[in-house]
Amino acid sequence: MVRRIDHSQDDIDRLVESLKEARTQANVLLRFKNGREERGAITYQERLGRGRLIDIEREFAMDFEISDLVGIEH
């Protein structure tokens, strides 16, 4: 069972700023609430709060929402 983590507005604002910066990076690490970590390039649409992670080497892509994330490293 996955425990729900509520984000404060400051946490969300910090994640949004990190995602905006990470859009220009070739490789970032996304950390998810469920403990999963995925690495690759991202797209992010702030207006929708959604994005896509793409790992060309593994031929893997997935959609994500900002509410799924706990951290970003780039």
PDB file of N, CA and C in Angstrom:
ATOM      1  N   MET A   1       0.841  -1.165   0.000  1.00  0.00           N
ATOM      2  CA  MET A   1       0.000   0.000   0.000  1.00  0.00           C
ATOM      3  C   MET A   1       0.892   1.236   0.000  1.00  0.00           C
ATOM      4  N   VAL A   2       0.542   2.221  -0.793  1.00  0.00           N
ATOM      5  CA  VAL A   2       1.299   3.458  -0.889  1.00  0.00           C
ATOM      6  C   VAL A   2       0.687   4.476   0.045  1.00  0.00           C
ATOM      7  N   ARG A   3       1.530   5.077   0.874  1.00  0.00           N
ATOM      8  CA  ARG A   3       1.063   6.097   1.794  1.00  0.00           C
ATOM      9  C   ARG A   3       0.957   7.424   1.059  1.00  0.00           C
ATOM     10  N   ARG A   4      -0.119   8.131   1.261  1.00  0.00           N
ATOM     11  CA  ARG A   4      -0.335   9.409   0.605  1.00  0.00           C
ATOM     12  C   ARG A   4       0.543  10.476   1.259  1.00  0.00           C
ATOM     13  N   ILE A   5       1.193  11.255   0.412  1.00  0.00           N
ATOM     14  CA  ILE A   5       2.004  12.368   0.886  1.00  0.00           C
ATOM     15  C   ILE A   5       1.361  13.641   0.373  1.00  0.00           C
ATOM     16  N   ASP A   6       0.961  14.502   1.284  1.00  0.00           N
ATOM     17  CA  ASP A   6       0.375  15.772   0.890  1.00  0.00           C
ATOM     18  C   ASP A   6       1.489  16.795   0.750  1.00  0.00           C
ATOM     19  N   HIS A   7       1.436  17.538  -0.346  1.00  0.00           N
ATOM     20  CA  HIS A   7       2.417  18.579  -0.587  1.00  0.00           C
ATOM     21  C   HIS A   7       1.876  19.913  -0.109  1.00  0.00           C
ATOM     22  N   SER A   8       2.726  20.707   0.526  1.00  0.00           N
ATOM     23  CA  SER A   8       2.362  22.082   0.840  1.00  0.00           C
ATOM     24  C   SER A   8       2.544  22.895  -0.443  1.00  0.00           C
ATOM     25  N   GLN A   9       2.008  24.094  -0.468  1.00  0.00           N
ATOM     26  CA  GLN A   9       2.150  24.934  -1.655  1.00  0.00           C
ATOM     27  C   GLN A   9       3.617  25.241  -1.926  1.00  0.00           C
ATOM     28  N   ASP A  10       4.413  25.408  -0.873  1.00  0.00           N
ATOM     29  CA  ASP A  10       5.848  25.655  -1.057  1.00  0.00           C
ATOM     30  C   ASP A  10       6.527  24.464  -1.737  1.00  0.00           C
ATOM     31  N   ASP A  11       6.146  23.239  -1.341  1.00  0.00           N
ATOM     32  CA  ASP A  11       6.704  22.039  -1.966  1.00  0.00           C
ATOM     33  C   ASP A  11       6.346  21.987  -3.444  1.00  0.00           C
ATOM     34  N   ILE A  12       5.108  22.285  -3.762  1.00  0.00           N
ATOM     35  CA  ILE A  12       4.655  22.266  -5.157  1.00  0.00           C
ATOM     36  C   ILE A  12       5.395  23.324  -5.962  1.00  0.00           C
ATOM     37  N   ASP A  13       5.521  24.514  -5.414  1.00  0.00           N
ATOM     38  CA  ASP A  13       6.238  25.587  -6.112  1.00  0.00           C
ATOM     39  C   ASP A  13       7.691  25.197  -6.373  1.00  0.00           C
ATOM     40  N   ARG A  14       8.326  24.557  -5.394  1.00  0.00           N
ATOM     41  CA  ARG A  14       9.707  24.105  -5.550  1.00  0.00           C
ATOM     42  C   ARG A  14       9.815  23.034  -6.635  1.00  0.00           C
ATOM     43  N   LEU A  15       8.860  22.094  -6.645  1.00  0.00           N
ATOM     44  CA  LEU A  15       8.857  21.058  -7.679  1.00  0.00           C
ATOM     45  C   LEU A  15       8.657  21.661  -9.062  1.00  0.00           C
ATOM     46  N   VAL A  16       7.746  22.626  -9.183  1.00  0.00           N
ATOM     47  CA  VAL A  16       7.484  23.270 -10.470  1.00  0.00           C
ATOM     48  C   VAL A  16       8.745  23.966 -10.980  1.00  0.00           C
ATOM     49  N   GLU A  17       9.425  24.712 -10.115  1.00  0.00           N
ATOM     50  CA  GLU A  17      10.653  25.399 -10.514  1.00  0.00           C
ATOM     51  C   GLU A  17      11.724  24.393 -10.939  1.00  0.00           C
ATOM     52  N   SER A  18      11.852  23.289 -10.210  1.00  0.00           N
ATOM     53  CA  SER A  18      12.825  22.254 -10.567  1.00  0.00           C
ATOM     54  C   SER A  18      12.490  21.616 -11.908  1.00  0.00           C
ATOM     55  N   LEU A  19      11.208  21.377 -12.151  1.00  0.00           N
ATOM     56  CA  LEU A  19      10.794  20.790 -13.429  1.00  0.00           C
ATOM     57  C   LEU A  19      11.070  21.746 -14.581  1.00  0.00           C
ATOM     58  N   LYS A  20      10.829  23.032 -14.374  1.00  0.00           N
ATOM     59  CA  LYS A  20      11.097  24.008 -15.429  1.00  0.00           C
ATOM     60  C   LYS A  20      12.585  24.056 -15.762  1.00  0.00           C
ATOM     61  N   GLU A  21      13.434  23.982 -14.759  1.00  0.00           N
ATOM     62  CA  GLU A  21      14.878  23.944 -14.990  1.00  0.00           C
ATOM     63  C   GLU A  21      15.295  22.637 -15.644  1.00  0.00           C
ATOM     64  N   ALA A  22      14.686  21.544 -15.232  1.00  0.00           N
ATOM     65  CA  ALA A  22      15.068  20.210 -15.715  1.00  0.00           C
ATOM     66  C   ALA A  22      14.698  19.982 -17.177  1.00  0.00           C
ATOM     67  N   ARG A  23      13.758  20.763 -17.703  1.00  0.00           N
ATOM     68  CA  ARG A  23      13.360  20.587 -19.104  1.00  0.00           C
ATOM     69  C   ARG A  23      14.521  20.772 -20.061  1.00  0.00           C
ATOM     70  N   THR A  24      15.521  21.532 -19.665  1.00  0.00           N
ATOM     71  CA  THR A  24      16.658  21.797 -20.547  1.00  0.00           C
ATOM     72  C   THR A  24      17.796  20.799 -20.355  1.00  0.00           C
ATOM     73  N   GLN A  25      17.670  19.903 -19.410  1.00  0.00           N
ATOM     74  CA  GLN A  25      18.723  18.927 -19.113  1.00  0.00           C
ATOM     75  C   GLN A  25      18.515  17.653 -19.934  1.00  0.00           C
ATOM     76  N   ALA A  26      19.620  17.024 -20.300  1.00  0.00           N
ATOM     77  CA  ALA A  26      19.545  15.778 -21.075  1.00  0.00           C
ATOM     78  C   ALA A  26      19.175  14.580 -20.209  1.00  0.00           C
ATOM     79  N   ASN A  27      19.426  14.689 -18.898  1.00  0.00           N
ATOM     80  CA  ASN A  27      19.192  13.545 -18.030  1.00  0.00           C
ATOM     81  C   ASN A  27      18.859  14.037 -16.619  1.00  0.00           C
ATOM     82  N   VAL A  28      17.686  13.691 -16.132  1.00  0.00           N
ATOM     83  CA  VAL A  28      17.280  14.046 -14.773  1.00  0.00           C
ATOM     84  C   VAL A  28      16.749  12.793 -14.076  1.00  0.00           C
ATOM     85  N   LEU A  29      16.720  12.851 -12.755  1.00  0.00           N
ATOM     86  CA  LEU A  29      16.185  11.745 -11.958  1.00  0.00           C
ATOM     87  C   LEU A  29      14.893  12.214 -11.307  1.00  0.00           C
ATOM     88  N   LEU A  30      13.796  11.526 -11.590  1.00  0.00           N
ATOM     89  CA  LEU A  30      12.516  11.809 -10.954  1.00  0.00           C
ATOM     90  C   LEU A  30      12.288  10.785  -9.857  1.00  0.00           C
ATOM     91  N   ARG A  31      11.932  11.274  -8.674  1.00  0.00           N
ATOM     92  CA  ARG A  31      11.611  10.401  -7.540  1.00  0.00           C
ATOM     93  C   ARG A  31      10.105  10.491  -7.288  1.00  0.00           C
ATOM     94  N   PHE A  32       9.464   9.321  -7.242  1.00  0.00           N
ATOM     95  CA  PHE A  32       8.023   9.252  -7.109  1.00  0.00           C
ATOM     96  C   PHE A  32       7.610   8.889  -5.688  1.00  0.00           C
ATOM     97  N   LYS A  33       6.380   9.205  -5.343  1.00  0.00           N
ATOM     98  CA  LYS A  33       5.840   8.918  -4.008  1.00  0.00           C
ATOM     99  C   LYS A  33       5.899   7.439  -3.661  1.00  0.00           C
ATOM    100  N   ASN A  34       5.739   6.582  -4.666  1.00  0.00           N
ATOM    101  CA  ASN A  34       5.711   5.144  -4.409  1.00  0.00           C
ATOM    102  C   ASN A  34       7.110   4.538  -4.271  1.00  0.00           C
ATOM    103  N   GLY A  35       8.156   5.392  -4.291  1.00  0.00           N
ATOM    104  CA  GLY A  35       9.521   4.911  -4.136  1.00  0.00           C
ATOM    105  C   GLY A  35      10.246   4.667  -5.440  1.00  0.00           C
ATOM    106  N   ARG A  36       9.543   4.713  -6.520  1.00  0.00           N
ATOM    107  CA  ARG A  36      10.135   4.488  -7.840  1.00  0.00           C
ATOM    108  C   ARG A  36      11.026   5.664  -8.227  1.00  0.00           C
ATOM    109  N   GLU A  37      12.102   5.372  -8.935  1.00  0.00           N
ATOM    110  CA  GLU A  37      12.985   6.394  -9.476  1.00  0.00           C
ATOM    111  C   GLU A  37      13.201   6.101 -10.947  1.00  0.00           C
ATOM    112  N   GLU A  38      13.060   7.123 -11.772  1.00  0.00           N
ATOM    113  CA  GLU A  38      13.268   6.975 -13.214  1.00  0.00           C
ATOM    114  C   GLU A  38      14.174   8.095 -13.690  1.00  0.00           C
ATOM    115  N   ARG A  39      15.021   7.778 -14.659  1.00  0.00           N
ATOM    116  CA  ARG A  39      15.978   8.740 -15.192  1.00  0.00           C
ATOM    117  C   ARG A  39      15.748   8.912 -16.688  1.00  0.00           C
ATOM    118  N   GLY A  40      15.882  10.155 -17.164  1.00  0.00           N
ATOM    119  CA  GLY A  40      15.763  10.448 -18.585  1.00  0.00           C
ATOM    120  C   GLY A  40      15.547  11.938 -18.805  1.00  0.00           C
ATOM    121  N   ALA A  41      15.204  12.294 -20.021  1.00  0.00           N
ATOM    122  CA  ALA A  41      14.870  13.677 -20.364  1.00  0.00           C
ATOM    123  C   ALA A  41      13.378  13.867 -20.121  1.00  0.00           C
ATOM    124  N   ILE A  42      12.977  15.099 -19.829  1.00  0.00           N
ATOM    125  CA  ILE A  42      11.560  15.331 -19.555  1.00  0.00           C
ATOM    126  C   ILE A  42      11.000  16.485 -20.382  1.00  0.00           C
ATOM    127  N   THR A  43       9.699  16.419 -20.551  1.00  0.00           N
ATOM    128  CA  THR A  43       8.913  17.561 -20.989  1.00  0.00           C
ATOM    129  C   THR A  43       7.986  17.857 -19.823  1.00  0.00           C
ATOM    130  N   TYR A  44       7.566  19.105 -19.691  1.00  0.00           N
ATOM    131  CA  TYR A  44       6.662  19.457 -18.597  1.00  0.00           C
ATOM    132  C   TYR A  44       5.803  20.634 -19.007  1.00  0.00           C
ATOM    133  N   GLN A  45       4.487  20.497 -18.810  1.00  0.00           N
ATOM    134  CA  GLN A  45       3.533  21.559 -19.118  1.00  0.00           C
ATOM    135  C   GLN A  45       2.982  22.075 -17.798  1.00  0.00           C
ATOM    136  N   GLU A  46       3.488  23.211 -17.384  1.00  0.00           N
ATOM    137  CA  GLU A  46       3.115  23.774 -16.091  1.00  0.00           C
ATOM    138  C   GLU A  46       1.611  24.002 -15.979  1.00  0.00           C
ATOM    139  N   ARG A  47       1.007  24.461 -17.049  1.00  0.00           N
ATOM    140  CA  ARG A  47      -0.426  24.753 -17.051  1.00  0.00           C
ATOM    141  C   ARG A  47      -1.263  23.525 -16.695  1.00  0.00           C
ATOM    142  N   LEU A  48      -0.813  22.354 -17.138  1.00  0.00           N
ATOM    143  CA  LEU A  48      -1.550  21.113 -16.890  1.00  0.00           C
ATOM    144  C   LEU A  48      -1.035  20.352 -15.672  1.00  0.00           C
ATOM    145  N   GLY A  49       0.183  20.663 -15.235  1.00  0.00           N
ATOM    146  CA  GLY A  49       0.775  19.937 -14.116  1.00  0.00           C
ATOM    147  C   GLY A  49       1.193  18.529 -14.499  1.00  0.00           C
ATOM    148  N   ARG A  50       1.442  18.321 -15.787  1.00  0.00           N
ATOM    149  CA  ARG A  50       1.821  16.997 -16.290  1.00  0.00           C
ATOM    150  C   ARG A  50       3.063  17.078 -17.154  1.00  0.00           C
ATOM    151  N   GLY A  51       3.705  15.949 -17.293  1.00  0.00           N
ATOM    152  CA  GLY A  51       4.882  15.874 -18.143  1.00  0.00           C
ATOM    153  C   GLY A  51       5.113  14.465 -18.638  1.00  0.00           C
ATOM    154  N   ARG A  52       6.230  14.312 -19.333  1.00  0.00           N
ATOM    155  CA  ARG A  52       6.597  13.009 -19.884  1.00  0.00           C
ATOM    156  C   ARG A  52       8.093  12.814 -19.685  1.00  0.00           C
ATOM    157  N   LEU A  53       8.458  11.641 -19.235  1.00  0.00           N
ATOM    158  CA  LEU A  53       9.852  11.253 -19.077  1.00  0.00           C
ATOM    159  C   LEU A  53      10.202  10.312 -20.218  1.00  0.00           C
ATOM    160  N   ILE A  54      11.364  10.548 -20.850  1.00  0.00           N
ATOM    161  CA  ILE A  54      11.774   9.732 -21.991  1.00  0.00           C
ATOM    162  C   ILE A  54      13.214   9.279 -21.779  1.00  0.00           C
ATOM    163  N   ASP A  55      13.422   7.966 -21.816  1.00  0.00           N
ATOM    164  CA  ASP A  55      14.761   7.385 -21.722  1.00  0.00           C
ATOM    165  C   ASP A  55      15.025   6.679 -23.047  1.00  0.00           C
ATOM    166  N   ILE A  56      15.794   7.320 -23.913  1.00  0.00           N
ATOM    167  CA  ILE A  56      16.037   6.795 -25.251  1.00  0.00           C
ATOM    168  C   ILE A  56      16.825   5.493 -25.209  1.00  0.00           C
ATOM    169  N   GLU A  57      17.795   5.405 -24.320  1.00  0.00           N
ATOM    170  CA  GLU A  57      18.629   4.202 -24.248  1.00  0.00           C
ATOM    171  C   GLU A  57      17.810   2.954 -23.943  1.00  0.00           C
ATOM    172  N   ARG A  58      16.834   3.074 -23.052  1.00  0.00           N
ATOM    173  CA  ARG A  58      15.988   1.920 -22.704  1.00  0.00           C
ATOM    174  C   ARG A  58      14.753   1.824 -23.590  1.00  0.00           C
ATOM    175  N   GLU A  59      14.567   2.807 -24.472  1.00  0.00           N
ATOM    176  CA  GLU A  59      13.360   2.892 -25.292  1.00  0.00           C
ATOM    177  C   GLU A  59      12.127   2.856 -24.399  1.00  0.00           C
ATOM    178  N   PHE A  60      12.131   3.765 -23.414  1.00  0.00           N
ATOM    179  CA  PHE A  60      11.094   3.814 -22.387  1.00  0.00           C
ATOM    180  C   PHE A  60      10.565   5.240 -22.282  1.00  0.00           C
ATOM    181  N   ALA A  61       9.267   5.364 -22.132  1.00  0.00           N
ATOM    182  CA  ALA A  61       8.649   6.670 -21.904  1.00  0.00           C
ATOM    183  C   ALA A  61       7.454   6.484 -20.971  1.00  0.00           C
ATOM    184  N   MET A  62       7.212   7.509 -20.150  1.00  0.00           N
ATOM    185  CA  MET A  62       6.056   7.440 -19.256  1.00  0.00           C
ATOM    186  C   MET A  62       5.556   8.855 -18.980  1.00  0.00           C
ATOM    187  N   ASP A  63       4.268   8.956 -18.738  1.00  0.00           N
ATOM    188  CA  ASP A  63       3.666  10.223 -18.343  1.00  0.00           C
ATOM    189  C   ASP A  63       3.694  10.323 -16.826  1.00  0.00           C
ATOM    190  N   PHE A  64       3.757  11.563 -16.320  1.00  0.00           N
ATOM    191  CA  PHE A  64       3.707  11.769 -14.878  1.00  0.00           C
ATOM    192  C   PHE A  64       2.942  13.046 -14.577  1.00  0.00           C
ATOM    193  N   GLU A  65       2.462  13.140 -13.357  1.00  0.00           N
ATOM    194  CA  GLU A  65       1.823  14.352 -12.861  1.00  0.00           C
ATOM    195  C   GLU A  65       2.640  14.863 -11.694  1.00  0.00           C
ATOM    196  N   ILE A  66       2.622  16.157 -11.475  1.00  0.00           N
ATOM    197  CA  ILE A  66       3.413  16.728 -10.415  1.00  0.00           C
ATOM    198  C   ILE A  66       3.011  16.148  -9.054  1.00  0.00           C
ATOM    199  N   SER A  67       1.768  15.759  -8.919  1.00  0.00           N
ATOM    200  CA  SER A  67       1.292  15.184  -7.656  1.00  0.00           C
ATOM    201  C   SER A  67       1.900  13.803  -7.386  1.00  0.00           C
ATOM    202  N   ASP A  68       2.506  13.167  -8.404  1.00  0.00           N
ATOM    203  CA  ASP A  68       3.158  11.869  -8.249  1.00  0.00           C
ATOM    204  C   ASP A  68       4.569  11.993  -7.702  1.00  0.00           C
ATOM    205  N   LEU A  69       5.162  13.188  -7.746  1.00  0.00           N
ATOM    206  CA  LEU A  69       6.579  13.373  -7.465  1.00  0.00           C
ATOM    207  C   LEU A  69       6.864  13.805  -6.029  1.00  0.00           C
ATOM    208  N   VAL A  70       8.033  13.377  -5.545  1.00  0.00           N
ATOM    209  CA  VAL A  70       8.540  13.875  -4.264  1.00  0.00           C
ATOM    210  C   VAL A  70       9.854  14.608  -4.451  1.00  0.00           C
ATOM    211  N   GLY A  71      10.530  14.412  -5.585  1.00  0.00           N
ATOM    212  CA  GLY A  71      11.788  15.095  -5.807  1.00  0.00           C
ATOM    213  C   GLY A  71      12.310  14.958  -7.215  1.00  0.00           C
ATOM    214  N   ILE A  72      13.218  15.879  -7.559  1.00  0.00           N
ATOM    215  CA  ILE A  72      13.844  15.915  -8.870  1.00  0.00           C
ATOM    216  C   ILE A  72      15.318  16.233  -8.680  1.00  0.00           C
ATOM    217  N   GLU A  73      16.174  15.499  -9.357  1.00  0.00           N
ATOM    218  CA  GLU A  73      17.603  15.798  -9.338  1.00  0.00           C
ATOM    219  C   GLU A  73      18.065  15.995 -10.763  1.00  0.00           C
ATOM    220  N   HIS A  74      18.825  17.073 -10.988  1.00  0.00           N
ATOM    221  CA  HIS A  74      19.383  17.322 -12.317  1.00  0.00           C
ATOM    222  C   HIS A  74      20.747  17.927 -12.213  1.00  0.00           C
TER     223      HIS A  74
END
